[in-house]
C-alpha atoms as a PDB file:
ATOM      1  CA  MET A   1      21.416  -0.573 -38.586  1.00  0.00           C
ATOM      2  CA  ILE A   2      17.634  -0.244 -38.315  1.00  0.00           C
ATOM      3  CA  ARG A   3      15.409  -3.242 -38.911  1.00  0.00           C
ATOM      4  CA  SER A   4      12.023  -4.608 -37.913  1.00  0.00           C
ATOM      5  CA  VAL A   5      11.780  -6.343 -34.564  1.00  0.00           C
ATOM      6  CA  LYS A   6      11.869 -10.137 -34.276  1.00  0.00           C
ATOM      7  CA  THR A   7      10.532 -12.210 -31.401  1.00  0.00           C
ATOM      8  CA  GLY A   8      14.100 -13.423 -30.862  1.00  0.00           C
ATOM      9  CA  ASP A   9      14.984  -9.850 -29.807  1.00  0.00           C
ATOM     10  CA  ALA A  10      12.950 -10.270 -26.609  1.00  0.00           C
ATOM     11  CA  PRO A  11      15.880 -10.974 -24.232  1.00  0.00           C
ATOM     12  CA  ALA A  12      17.919  -7.998 -25.501  1.00  0.00           C
ATOM     13  CA  ILE A  13      14.860  -5.738 -25.394  1.00  0.00           C
ATOM     14  CA  CYS A  14      14.197  -6.866 -21.814  1.00  0.00           C
ATOM     15  CA  ASP A  15      17.777  -5.970 -20.892  1.00  0.00           C
ATOM     16  CA  ILE A  16      17.211  -2.481 -22.299  1.00  0.00           C
ATOM     17  CA  TYR A  17      13.714  -1.900 -20.945  1.00  0.00           C
ATOM     18  CA  ASN A  18      14.099  -3.429 -17.492  1.00  0.00           C
ATOM     19  CA  HIS A  19      16.750  -0.804 -16.656  1.00  0.00           C
ATOM     20  CA  TYR A  20      14.075   1.868 -17.183  1.00  0.00           C
ATOM     21  CA  ILE A  21      11.624  -0.070 -15.028  1.00  0.00           C
ATOM     22  CA  LYS A  22      14.028  -0.747 -12.139  1.00  0.00           C
ATOM     23  CA  ASP A  23      16.165   2.400 -12.145  1.00  0.00           C
ATOM     24  CA  THR A  24      14.158   5.281 -13.626  1.00  0.00           C
ATOM     25  CA  ALA A  25      10.731   6.869 -13.600  1.00  0.00           C
ATOM     26  CA  VAL A  26      10.685   6.953 -17.411  1.00  0.00           C
ATOM     27  CA  SER A  27       8.476   3.850 -17.481  1.00  0.00           C
ATOM     28  CA  PHE A  28       5.573   3.620 -15.087  1.00  0.00           C
ATOM     29  CA  GLU A  29       5.872  -0.158 -15.000  1.00  0.00           C
ATOM     30  CA  GLU A  30       7.304  -1.307 -11.691  1.00  0.00           C
ATOM     31  CA  THR A  31       7.905  -5.017 -12.250  1.00  0.00           C
ATOM     32  CA  PRO A  32      10.627  -6.178 -14.670  1.00  0.00           C
ATOM     33  CA  VAL A  33       9.369  -7.865 -17.821  1.00  0.00           C
ATOM     34  CA  SER A  34      10.379 -11.449 -18.594  1.00  0.00           C
ATOM     35  CA  PRO A  35      11.609 -12.445 -22.057  1.00  0.00           C
ATOM     36  CA  GLN A  36       8.444 -14.534 -22.479  1.00  0.00           C
ATOM     37  CA  GLU A  37       6.224 -11.528 -21.709  1.00  0.00           C
ATOM     38  CA  MET A  38       8.286  -9.314 -24.027  1.00  0.00           C
ATOM     39  CA  GLU A  39       8.034 -11.896 -26.792  1.00  0.00           C
ATOM     40  CA  ALA A  40       4.244 -11.809 -26.438  1.00  0.00           C
ATOM     41  CA  ARG A  41       4.275  -8.004 -26.550  1.00  0.00           C
ATOM     42  CA  ILE A  42       6.439  -8.045 -29.666  1.00  0.00           C
ATOM     43  CA  ARG A  43       4.063 -10.480 -31.387  1.00  0.00           C
ATOM     44  CA  ASN A  44       0.935  -8.529 -30.417  1.00  0.00           C
ATOM     45  CA  ILE A  45       2.193  -5.032 -31.131  1.00  0.00           C
ATOM     46  CA  SER A  46       4.179  -5.730 -34.304  1.00  0.00           C
ATOM     47  CA  ALA A  47       1.212  -7.578 -35.814  1.00  0.00           C
ATOM     48  CA  ALA A  48      -0.579  -4.230 -36.094  1.00  0.00           C
ATOM     49  CA  TYR A  49       2.030  -1.479 -35.677  1.00  0.00           C
ATOM     50  CA  PRO A  50       5.614  -0.661 -36.680  1.00  0.00           C
ATOM     51  CA  TRP A  51       8.348  -1.727 -34.234  1.00  0.00           C
ATOM     52  CA  LEU A  52      11.971  -0.995 -35.138  1.00  0.00           C
ATOM     53  CA  VAL A  53      15.254  -2.085 -33.599  1.00  0.00           C
ATOM     54  CA  TRP A  54      18.666  -0.420 -33.798  1.00  0.00           C
ATOM     55  CA  GLU A  55      21.278  -3.142 -34.005  1.00  0.00           C
ATOM     56  CA  GLU A  56      25.054  -2.956 -33.684  1.00  0.00           C
ATOM     57  CA  ASN A  57      27.217  -6.043 -34.237  1.00  0.00           C
ATOM     58  CA  GLY A  58      24.095  -8.187 -34.246  1.00  0.00           C
ATOM     59  CA  ILE A  59      22.895  -6.907 -30.855  1.00  0.00           C
ATOM     60  CA  PRO A  60      19.810  -4.698 -30.343  1.00  0.00           C
ATOM     61  CA  ILE A  61      20.830  -1.546 -28.460  1.00  0.00           C
ATOM     62  CA  GLY A  62      17.671   0.476 -28.986  1.00  0.00           C
ATOM     63  CA  TYR A  63      14.113   0.162 -30.186  1.00  0.00           C
ATOM     64  CA  ALA A  64      11.079   2.249 -31.041  1.00  0.00           C
ATOM     65  CA  TYR A  65       7.481   1.343 -31.712  1.00  0.00           C
ATOM     66  CA  VAL A  66       3.972   2.692 -31.746  1.00  0.00           C
ATOM     67  CA  ASN A  67       1.038   1.024 -30.102  1.00  0.00           C
ATOM     68  CA  LYS A  68      -2.655   1.648 -29.592  1.00  0.00           C
ATOM     69  CA  TRP A  69      -3.346   4.992 -27.889  1.00  0.00           C
ATOM     70  CA  LYS A  70      -6.703   4.032 -26.335  1.00  0.00           C
ATOM     71  CA  ASP A  71      -9.119   1.131 -26.704  1.00  0.00           C
ATOM     72  CA  ARG A  72     -12.209   3.058 -27.832  1.00  0.00           C
ATOM     73  CA  SER A  73     -12.787   2.732 -31.591  1.00  0.00           C
ATOM     74  CA  ALA A  74     -12.740   6.469 -32.288  1.00  0.00           C
ATOM     75  CA  TYR A  75      -9.055   6.471 -31.286  1.00  0.00           C
ATOM     76  CA  ARG A  76      -8.157   3.852 -33.917  1.00  0.00           C
ATOM     77  CA  PHE A  77      -6.149   6.354 -35.993  1.00  0.00           C
ATOM     78  CA  SER A  78      -3.999   7.490 -33.054  1.00  0.00           C
ATOM     79  CA  ALA A  79      -0.973   5.705 -31.634  1.00  0.00           C
ATOM     80  CA  GLU A  80       1.510   6.241 -28.808  1.00  0.00           C
ATOM     81  CA  ASP A  81       5.239   5.984 -29.433  1.00  0.00           C
ATOM     82  CA  SER A  82       7.912   4.461 -27.205  1.00  0.00           C
ATOM     83  CA  ILE A  83      11.678   4.749 -27.641  1.00  0.00           C
ATOM     84  CA  TYR A  84      14.278   3.093 -25.436  1.00  0.00           C
ATOM     85  CA  LEU A  85      18.062   2.891 -25.710  1.00  0.00           C
ATOM     86  CA  LYS A  86      20.501   0.624 -23.943  1.00  0.00           C
ATOM     87  CA  GLN A  87      22.155   2.413 -21.054  1.00  0.00           C
ATOM     88  CA  GLY A  88      25.361   4.081 -22.253  1.00  0.00           C
ATOM     89  CA  HIS A  89      24.140   4.567 -25.835  1.00  0.00           C
ATOM     90  CA  GLU A  90      22.288   7.826 -25.266  1.00  0.00           C
ATOM     91  CA  HIS A  91      23.286  11.072 -27.034  1.00  0.00           C
ATOM     92  CA  LYS A  92      24.708   9.300 -30.092  1.00  0.00           C
ATOM     93  CA  GLY A  93      21.863  10.094 -32.491  1.00  0.00           C
ATOM     94  CA  ILE A  94      20.386   6.596 -32.281  1.00  0.00           C
ATOM     95  CA  GLY A  95      17.103   7.785 -30.796  1.00  0.00           C
ATOM     96  CA  LYS A  96      16.781  10.388 -33.541  1.00  0.00           C
ATOM     97  CA  ARG A  97      17.376   7.800 -36.275  1.00  0.00           C
ATOM     98  CA  LEU A  98      14.948   5.380 -34.652  1.00  0.00           C
ATOM     99  CA  LEU A  99      12.222   8.010 -34.373  1.00  0.00           C
ATOM    100  CA  ALA A 100      12.804   9.153 -37.969  1.00  0.00           C
ATOM    101  CA  GLY A 101      12.508   5.576 -39.190  1.00  0.00           C
ATOM    102  CA  LEU A 102       9.479   4.937 -37.028  1.00  0.00           C
ATOM    103  CA  LEU A 103       7.678   8.015 -38.339  1.00  0.00           C
ATOM    104  CA  ASP A 104       8.485   6.934 -41.907  1.00  0.00           C
ATOM    105  CA  GLU A 105       6.828   3.586 -41.174  1.00  0.00           C
ATOM    106  CA  VAL A 106       3.877   5.234 -39.428  1.00  0.00           C
ATOM    107  CA  ARG A 107       3.221   7.385 -42.507  1.00  0.00           C
ATOM    108  CA  LYS A 108       2.691   4.166 -44.496  1.00  0.00           C
ATOM    109  CA  THR A 109      -0.228   3.259 -42.210  1.00  0.00           C
ATOM    110  CA  ALA A 110      -3.629   4.778 -41.489  1.00  0.00           C
ATOM    111  CA  ILE A 111      -2.321   6.403 -38.288  1.00  0.00           C
ATOM    112  CA  HIS A 112      -3.234  10.087 -38.175  1.00  0.00           C
ATOM    113  CA  ALA A 113      -1.719  11.199 -34.851  1.00  0.00           C
ATOM    114  CA  VAL A 114       1.262  10.013 -32.817  1.00  0.00           C
ATOM    115  CA  ILE A 115       1.274  10.803 -29.121  1.00  0.00           C
ATOM    116  CA  ALA A 116       4.308  10.772 -26.835  1.00  0.00           C
ATOM    117  CA  GLY A 117       3.686  10.446 -23.105  1.00  0.00           C
ATOM    118  CA  ILE A 118       6.775  11.729 -21.295  1.00  0.00           C
ATOM    119  CA  THR A 119       7.486  11.502 -17.562  1.00  0.00           C
ATOM    120  CA  LEU A 120       8.655  14.948 -16.488  1.00  0.00           C
ATOM    121  CA  PRO A 121      11.256  16.251 -16.325  1.00  0.00           C
ATOM    122  CA  ASN A 122      12.908  14.647 -19.355  1.00  0.00           C
ATOM    123  CA  LYS A 123      14.690  17.263 -21.477  1.00  0.00           C
ATOM    124  CA  GLY A 124      16.173  14.652 -23.816  1.00  0.00           C
ATOM    125  CA  SER A 125      12.888  13.046 -24.807  1.00  0.00           C
ATOM    126  CA  ILE A 126      11.168  16.403 -25.136  1.00  0.00           C
ATOM    127  CA  ALA A 127      13.935  17.750 -27.388  1.00  0.00           C
ATOM    128  CA  LEU A 128      13.910  14.572 -29.484  1.00  0.00           C
ATOM    129  CA  HIS A 129      10.173  14.735 -30.089  1.00  0.00           C
ATOM    130  CA  GLU A 130      10.111  18.482 -30.720  1.00  0.00           C
ATOM    131  CA  THR A 131      12.863  18.041 -33.341  1.00  0.00           C
ATOM    132  CA  PHE A 132      10.296  16.076 -35.356  1.00  0.00           C
ATOM    133  CA  GLY A 133       7.522  18.629 -34.876  1.00  0.00           C
ATOM    134  CA  PHE A 134       5.735  17.187 -31.861  1.00  0.00           C
ATOM    135  CA  LYS A 135       3.885  19.906 -29.920  1.00  0.00           C
ATOM    136  CA  LYS A 136       3.050  19.822 -26.244  1.00  0.00           C
ATOM    137  CA  ALA A 137      -0.650  19.096 -25.867  1.00  0.00           C
ATOM    138  CA  ALA A 138      -1.096  18.407 -22.144  1.00  0.00           C
ATOM    139  CA  HIS A 139       0.561  18.406 -18.750  1.00  0.00           C
ATOM    140  CA  PHE A 140      -0.813  16.265 -15.957  1.00  0.00           C
ATOM    141  CA  GLU A 141       0.503  16.906 -12.472  1.00  0.00           C
ATOM    142  CA  LYS A 142       1.204  14.094 -10.038  1.00  0.00           C
ATOM    143  CA  VAL A 143      -0.571  11.365 -12.015  1.00  0.00           C
ATOM    144  CA  GLY A 144       2.059   8.669 -11.438  1.00  0.00           C
ATOM    145  CA  PHE A 145       3.571   7.383  -8.212  1.00  0.00           C
ATOM    146  CA  LYS A 146       6.891   5.548  -8.384  1.00  0.00           C
ATOM    147  CA  PHE A 147       9.936   5.428  -6.118  1.00  0.00           C
ATOM    148  CA  GLU A 148       7.883   7.025  -3.338  1.00  0.00           C
ATOM    149  CA  GLN A 149       7.278  10.231  -5.295  1.00  0.00           C
ATOM    150  CA  TRP A 150       4.509  11.774  -7.363  1.00  0.00           C
ATOM    151  CA  LEU A 151       5.377  12.261 -11.030  1.00  0.00           C
ATOM    152  CA  ASP A 152       4.087  14.581 -13.734  1.00  0.00           C
ATOM    153  CA  VAL A 153       3.442  13.465 -17.298  1.00  0.00           C
ATOM    154  CA  GLY A 154       3.388  15.628 -20.397  1.00  0.00           C
ATOM    155  CA  TYR A 155       1.865  14.648 -23.710  1.00  0.00           C
ATOM    156  CA  TRP A 156       3.268  15.707 -27.060  1.00  0.00           C
ATOM    157  CA  GLU A 157       1.348  15.200 -30.293  1.00  0.00           C
ATOM    158  CA  LEU A 158       2.285  14.992 -33.966  1.00  0.00           C
ATOM    159  CA  ILE A 159      -0.300  14.927 -36.728  1.00  0.00           C
ATOM    160  CA  VAL A 160       1.286  12.812 -39.439  1.00  0.00           C
ATOM    161  CA  ARG A 161      -1.355  13.157 -42.165  1.00  0.00           C
END
């Protein structure tokens, strides 16, 4: 079931997201996020942008949201998406349903462009975004450093209106 995020989801969202921080290069954060910090993020982001949760048996197992792309005012109609699934729930179509729902919500806003920043390689995230019409717009080599290695980032863009 897809629904809007609640601040009470913070602990479950931390459980999902902190795996990506600690064990993967998908997120460029390097310090796990506390439930209090996640609750603040949920409040701040969902006040202005769509944030959806996929819930099974009352437990969040995935989420997707958009947030500000850049701070400069000319970017105010662009947003960056993020999608994370609980480990073990990949390849079940949940990410696809979350992104579809998120894009439906985005189209109800003034957002013009959605940007996906993807640590490379990541065939799954690329395929997911391209299924919805995202096109590769940029490739930056060695712009992130995590786990003692340089990482590339690609950017995919979707014009939604």
